[in-house]
């Protein structure tokens, strides 16, 4: 008989692409995941993972097991949902991903509140960009995601995934003190010509939004420096190496050498909680959504 935990390990590798990433998602060590898959290979008398360059690939036989694992894990999820619904209390493990500024500016208060009110609810947070987290929810690798989109770049929920609005976050132009725009009360996007920019790397939602925003205003942006973290971008602005468009959530207090200027019109990004339709009845899902919405006004005030 096939072991469900070993199938879960194989499915995690198929979703995340590497043993290491699968281990992080499961809360195991890479060695433990490798051992689970090795045992599954012995049980099935077949090779499931093969080396491919510096990475690995799943064999055809492994893909058969992955398809079966997906169905079995969905059945288990439904059973767990029904049991939790019968109890009427948020309980069990809830894995949730959030993008960087939400993980810093919103989630600590939410998770601490839930830990006090529902001590039997085991929440596990991972920092993941929305481009990836929503797909991981759809594939069943995560229970929930806190994601965002922009006014000019909507983030559609894939089939089988539901969403609820958490709140709206605004964005400012950050310039070094003494910059030609630093004394302005507001700035229009058409005024950004000739500037050098610092922003997140390509493929990040904020990078795509910046490029789309400036190009819509007829400006081809000159990106001089790339960094994942907003504090790094703020430091680059303070050093006079470029200007940046950075949302307020999780940004923290700005140093004296950086000035925040409102844009006209003000760009807005929308925050959502997303989960699979099959898990919608879980009290843990409903409680997480409610707590996110409850904490949002405080997080938004703290980021202003």
Protein backbone atom coordinates (compact mmCIF):
# COMPACT_ATOMS: atom_id res chain seq x y z
CA UNK A 1 0.00 0.00 0.00
CA UNK A 2 1.33 3.43 -0.92
CA UNK A 3 2.18 5.71 1.99
CA UNK A 4 0.37 9.07 1.88
CA UNK A 5 3.24 11.03 3.45
CA UNK A 6 5.64 9.72 0.81
CA UNK A 7 3.20 10.65 -1.93
CA UNK A 8 2.88 14.10 -0.33
CA UNK A 9 6.67 14.50 -0.47
CA UNK A 10 6.77 13.52 -4.16
CA UNK A 11 3.90 15.88 -4.95
CA UNK A 12 5.69 18.73 -3.18
CA UNK A 13 8.80 18.12 -5.30
CA UNK A 14 6.66 18.20 -8.46
CA UNK A 15 5.11 21.53 -7.43
CA UNK A 16 8.22 23.29 -6.15
CA UNK A 17 10.76 21.83 -8.57
CA UNK A 18 13.50 20.91 -6.08
CA UNK A 19 13.86 18.74 -2.99
CA UNK A 20 15.05 21.74 -0.99
CA UNK A 21 12.04 23.90 -1.86
CA UNK A 22 9.70 20.97 -1.22
CA UNK A 23 11.29 20.48 2.21
CA UNK A 24 10.70 24.12 3.13
CA UNK A 25 7.04 23.89 2.13
CA UNK A 26 6.53 20.73 4.17
CA UNK A 27 8.52 21.85 7.20
CA UNK A 28 11.00 18.98 6.77
CA UNK A 29 14.71 18.80 6.07
CA UNK A 30 15.83 18.04 2.49
CA UNK A 31 17.28 14.78 3.80
CA UNK A 32 13.89 13.76 5.20
CA UNK A 33 12.18 14.45 1.87
CA UNK A 34 14.84 12.50 -0.01
CA UNK A 35 14.39 9.57 2.37
CA UNK A 36 10.60 9.61 1.85
CA UNK A 37 11.02 9.49 -1.91
CA UNK A 38 13.71 6.79 -1.70
CA UNK A 39 11.31 4.64 0.34
CA UNK A 40 8.58 5.29 -2.22
CA UNK A 41 10.94 4.16 -4.99
CA UNK A 42 11.63 0.93 -3.12
CA UNK A 43 7.92 0.35 -2.52
CA UNK A 44 7.03 0.90 -6.17
CA UNK A 45 10.22 -0.69 -7.54
CA UNK A 46 10.71 2.20 -9.94
CA UNK A 47 12.90 5.28 -10.37
CA UNK A 48 10.98 8.46 -9.61
CA UNK A 49 13.64 11.21 -9.76
CA UNK A 50 16.48 11.54 -12.25
CA UNK A 51 19.36 13.97 -12.43
CA UNK A 52 19.04 16.62 -15.14
CA UNK A 53 22.03 18.94 -15.26
CA UNK A 54 22.22 20.56 -11.84
CA UNK A 55 18.59 19.82 -11.11
CA UNK A 56 16.21 16.88 -11.15
CA UNK A 57 13.26 15.75 -13.24
CA UNK A 58 10.35 13.49 -12.46
CA UNK A 59 10.12 10.30 -14.50
CA UNK A 60 6.96 9.28 -16.34
CA UNK A 61 6.23 6.81 -13.54
CA UNK A 62 6.57 9.62 -11.01
CA UNK A 63 4.05 11.73 -12.94
CA UNK A 64 1.52 8.88 -12.62
CA UNK A 65 2.00 8.91 -8.85
CA UNK A 66 1.84 12.72 -8.74
CA UNK A 67 -1.58 12.67 -10.42
CA UNK A 68 -2.79 10.08 -7.91
CA UNK A 69 -1.29 12.04 -5.01
CA UNK A 70 -3.13 15.19 -6.10
CA UNK A 71 -6.45 13.37 -6.01
CA UNK A 72 -5.74 11.69 -2.68
CA UNK A 73 -4.58 14.90 -1.03
CA UNK A 74 -7.73 16.63 -2.26
CA UNK A 75 -9.84 13.89 -0.65
CA UNK A 76 -7.88 14.25 2.61
CA UNK A 77 -8.39 18.01 2.51
CA UNK A 78 -12.13 17.55 2.11
CA UNK A 79 -12.23 15.17 5.07
CA UNK A 80 -10.20 17.55 7.24
CA UNK A 81 -12.49 20.42 6.21
CA UNK A 82 -15.59 18.47 7.22
CA UNK A 83 -14.11 17.50 10.58
CA UNK A 84 -13.04 21.07 11.33
CA UNK A 85 -16.45 22.34 10.23
CA UNK A 86 -18.15 19.90 12.62
CA UNK A 87 -16.00 21.14 15.50
CA UNK A 88 -16.85 24.72 14.58
CA UNK A 89 -13.42 25.95 15.72
CA UNK A 90 -10.31 26.93 13.73
CA UNK A 91 -7.84 24.12 14.30
CA UNK A 92 -5.15 22.09 12.57
CA UNK A 93 -2.37 23.42 10.37
CA UNK A 94 -2.88 26.41 8.08
CA UNK A 95 -0.07 27.21 5.66
CA UNK A 96 -0.13 30.74 4.29
CA UNK A 97 2.12 32.72 1.97
CA UNK A 98 2.44 36.49 1.87
CA UNK A 99 4.48 38.86 -0.25
CA UNK A 100 7.37 40.64 1.46
CA UNK A 101 5.79 43.90 2.63
CA UNK A 102 2.63 42.12 3.86
CA UNK A 103 4.77 39.54 5.66
CA UNK A 104 6.49 42.45 7.43
CA UNK A 105 3.72 45.03 7.84
CA UNK A 106 0.55 42.96 8.28
CA UNK A 107 1.11 39.30 9.10
CA UNK A 108 2.99 39.52 12.46
CA UNK A 109 0.02 41.16 14.18
CA UNK A 110 -2.47 38.83 12.50
CA UNK A 111 -0.59 35.66 13.44
CA UNK A 112 0.01 36.82 17.02
CA UNK A 113 -3.70 37.60 17.43
CA UNK A 114 -4.71 34.18 16.08
CA UNK A 115 -2.22 32.42 18.36
CA UNK A 116 -3.89 33.98 21.40
CA UNK A 117 -7.50 33.45 20.31
CA UNK A 118 -7.07 30.00 18.76
CA UNK A 119 -4.15 28.14 20.37
CA UNK A 120 -4.99 24.88 18.57
CA UNK A 121 -4.60 26.55 15.16
CA UNK A 122 -1.07 25.91 13.84
CA UNK A 123 -0.31 28.71 11.35
CA UNK A 124 2.82 28.54 9.16
CA UNK A 125 3.92 31.64 7.18
CA UNK A 126 6.17 31.68 4.11
CA UNK A 127 7.27 34.79 2.21
CA UNK A 128 6.41 34.27 -1.47
CA UNK A 129 5.81 36.70 -4.38
CA UNK A 130 2.19 36.77 -5.66
CA UNK A 131 3.24 35.43 -9.07
CA UNK A 132 4.14 32.18 -7.31
CA UNK A 133 1.92 32.03 -4.23
CA UNK A 134 -1.43 32.06 -6.05
CA UNK A 135 -0.30 29.16 -8.24
CA UNK A 136 0.88 27.24 -5.17
CA UNK A 137 -2.56 27.66 -3.59
CA UNK A 138 -4.22 26.41 -6.77
CA UNK A 139 -1.96 23.34 -6.78
CA UNK A 140 -2.67 22.57 -3.12
CA UNK A 141 0.86 23.28 -1.91
CA UNK A 142 -0.41 26.11 0.33
CA UNK A 143 -3.73 26.62 2.09
CA UNK A 144 -3.88 30.38 1.61
CA UNK A 145 -2.04 33.32 0.10
CA UNK A 146 -2.02 37.05 0.75
CA UNK A 147 -1.38 38.57 -2.66
CA UNK A 148 -1.79 41.91 -4.38
CA UNK A 149 -2.35 43.45 -7.76
CA UNK A 150 -2.24 46.96 -9.18
CA UNK A 151 -4.82 49.20 -10.79
CA UNK A 152 -3.24 48.61 -14.21
CA UNK A 153 -2.26 44.97 -13.66
CA UNK A 154 -5.13 42.85 -12.23
CA UNK A 155 -4.34 39.49 -10.65
CA UNK A 156 -7.05 37.02 -11.74
CA UNK A 157 -7.82 34.10 -9.45
CA UNK A 158 -7.25 30.79 -11.29
CA UNK A 159 -10.08 28.24 -11.56
CA UNK A 160 -10.86 26.58 -8.24
CA UNK A 161 -9.52 29.50 -6.18
CA UNK A 162 -11.64 32.03 -4.26
CA UNK A 163 -10.59 35.41 -2.99
CA UNK A 164 -11.64 38.14 -0.57
CA UNK A 165 -10.52 41.77 -0.54
CA UNK A 166 -8.38 42.74 2.45
CA UNK A 167 -7.76 46.42 1.69
CA UNK A 168 -6.01 48.95 -0.53
CA UNK A 169 -2.40 50.09 -0.23
CA UNK A 170 -1.09 53.32 -1.77
CA UNK A 171 2.28 54.10 -3.29
CA UNK A 172 4.57 57.16 -3.11
CA UNK A 173 7.47 58.49 -5.13
CA UNK A 174 10.67 58.39 -3.05
CA UNK A 175 13.45 60.83 -3.95
CA UNK A 176 16.65 61.91 -2.18
CA UNK A 177 16.39 65.18 -0.27
CA UNK A 178 17.47 68.02 -2.53
CA UNK A 179 16.18 66.28 -5.67
CA UNK A 180 14.44 68.55 -8.19
CA UNK A 181 11.06 67.09 -7.14
CA UNK A 182 11.66 66.92 -3.38
CA UNK A 183 9.75 70.13 -2.55
CA UNK A 184 6.70 69.30 -4.61
CA UNK A 185 3.30 68.65 -3.03
CA UNK A 186 2.49 66.06 -5.67
CA UNK A 187 3.93 64.74 -8.94
CA UNK A 188 2.34 63.51 -12.15
CA UNK A 189 3.74 60.47 -13.94
CA UNK A 190 4.45 62.48 -17.09
CA UNK A 191 7.13 64.40 -15.15
CA UNK A 192 9.42 61.37 -14.67
CA UNK A 193 11.35 61.73 -17.93
CA UNK A 194 15.14 61.58 -17.65
CA UNK A 195 15.17 60.00 -14.20
CA UNK A 196 17.14 56.96 -13.08
CA UNK A 197 15.19 54.32 -11.17
CA UNK A 198 15.78 51.64 -8.57
CA UNK A 199 13.21 48.86 -8.32
CA UNK A 200 12.60 45.17 -7.77
CA UNK A 201 13.91 42.63 -10.32
CA UNK A 202 11.98 41.66 -13.46
CA UNK A 203 9.22 39.16 -12.81
CA UNK A 204 8.16 40.82 -9.57
CA UNK A 205 4.70 42.37 -9.55
CA UNK A 206 6.05 45.79 -8.51
CA UNK A 207 8.64 45.77 -11.32
CA UNK A 208 6.02 44.93 -13.93
CA UNK A 209 3.74 47.63 -12.56
CA UNK A 210 6.48 50.29 -12.66
CA UNK A 211 7.39 49.46 -16.25
CA UNK A 212 3.74 49.48 -17.33
CA UNK A 213 2.99 52.73 -15.50
CA UNK A 214 5.89 54.68 -17.01
CA UNK A 215 5.46 53.27 -20.50
CA UNK A 216 1.76 54.20 -20.38
CA UNK A 217 2.95 57.78 -19.72
CA UNK A 218 5.26 57.62 -22.76
CA UNK A 219 8.46 57.14 -20.73
CA UNK A 220 10.96 54.31 -21.20
CA UNK A 221 12.43 53.93 -17.68
CA UNK A 222 16.17 53.68 -17.11
CA UNK A 223 16.59 51.08 -14.35
CA UNK A 224 20.02 51.42 -12.74
CA UNK A 225 19.76 49.16 -9.65
CA UNK A 226 17.61 46.15 -8.73
CA UNK A 227 16.87 44.86 -5.22
CA UNK A 228 14.25 42.57 -3.70
CA UNK A 229 13.75 44.34 -0.38
CA UNK A 230 12.16 47.77 0.01
CA UNK A 231 14.63 48.84 2.75
CA UNK A 232 17.44 48.26 0.25
CA UNK A 233 15.65 50.36 -2.36
CA UNK A 234 15.17 53.14 0.22
CA UNK A 235 18.90 53.04 1.02
CA UNK A 236 19.74 53.32 -2.69
CA UNK A 237 17.45 56.34 -2.99
CA UNK A 238 19.05 57.94 0.09
CA UNK A 239 22.47 57.49 -1.55
CA UNK A 240 21.27 59.45 -4.57
CA UNK A 241 21.46 56.47 -6.93
CA UNK A 242 17.94 56.76 -8.28
CA UNK A 243 14.30 57.35 -7.39
CA UNK A 244 11.69 54.73 -6.63
CA UNK A 245 7.95 54.08 -6.47
CA UNK A 246 7.36 52.14 -3.25
CA UNK A 247 4.08 51.15 -1.54
CA UNK A 248 3.47 52.25 2.03
CA UNK A 249 2.65 48.88 3.61
CA UNK A 250 5.62 47.58 5.59
CA UNK A 251 7.85 50.40 4.35
CA UNK A 252 8.62 51.72 7.81
CA UNK A 253 9.93 55.15 8.75
CA UNK A 254 11.98 56.87 6.07
CA UNK A 255 15.46 58.23 6.80
CA UNK A 256 15.95 62.01 6.86
CA UNK A 257 17.66 61.87 3.47
CA UNK A 258 14.57 60.48 1.68
CA UNK A 259 11.39 62.38 0.82
CA UNK A 260 8.04 60.75 0.00
CA UNK A 261 5.89 62.61 -2.54
CA UNK A 262 2.28 61.68 -3.37
CA UNK A 263 1.50 60.90 -7.00
CA UNK A 264 -1.38 62.39 -8.96
CA UNK A 265 -3.35 60.24 -9.57
CA UNK A 266 -2.45 58.08 -6.57
CA UNK A 267 -1.55 54.50 -7.58
CA UNK A 268 -3.31 51.82 -5.56
CA UNK A 269 -2.62 48.13 -5.11
CA UNK A 270 -5.34 45.82 -3.86
CA UNK A 271 -4.64 43.13 -1.26
CA UNK A 272 -6.47 39.81 -1.36
CA UNK A 273 -6.67 36.59 0.59
CA UNK A 274 -6.96 33.54 -1.68
CA UNK A 275 -7.79 29.91 -0.93
CA UNK A 276 -9.06 26.82 -2.76
CA UNK A 277 -12.79 26.48 -3.23
CA UNK A 278 -12.71 23.02 -1.65
CA UNK A 279 -11.40 24.47 1.62
CA UNK A 280 -13.78 27.43 1.77
CA UNK A 281 -15.83 25.86 4.62
CA UNK A 282 -12.85 25.53 6.95
CA UNK A 283 -13.34 27.71 10.03
CA UNK A 284 -9.59 28.38 9.92
CA UNK A 285 -9.93 29.96 6.47
CA UNK A 286 -12.87 32.12 7.52
CA UNK A 287 -11.11 33.20 10.71
CA UNK A 288 -7.90 34.09 8.88
CA UNK A 289 -9.80 36.21 6.35
CA UNK A 290 -11.73 37.96 9.12
CA UNK A 291 -8.55 38.66 11.10
CA UNK A 292 -6.71 40.00 8.04
CA UNK A 293 -9.56 42.41 7.33
CA UNK A 294 -9.76 43.39 11.00
CA UNK A 295 -6.03 44.20 11.19
CA UNK A 296 -5.81 45.97 7.84
CA UNK A 297 -6.84 49.50 9.01
CA UNK A 298 -4.12 49.39 11.69
CA UNK A 299 -1.50 48.16 9.23
CA UNK A 300 -2.52 50.84 6.71
CA UNK A 301 -2.25 53.58 9.35
CA UNK A 302 1.14 52.32 10.45
CA UNK A 303 2.47 52.48 6.89
CA UNK A 304 1.37 56.06 6.21
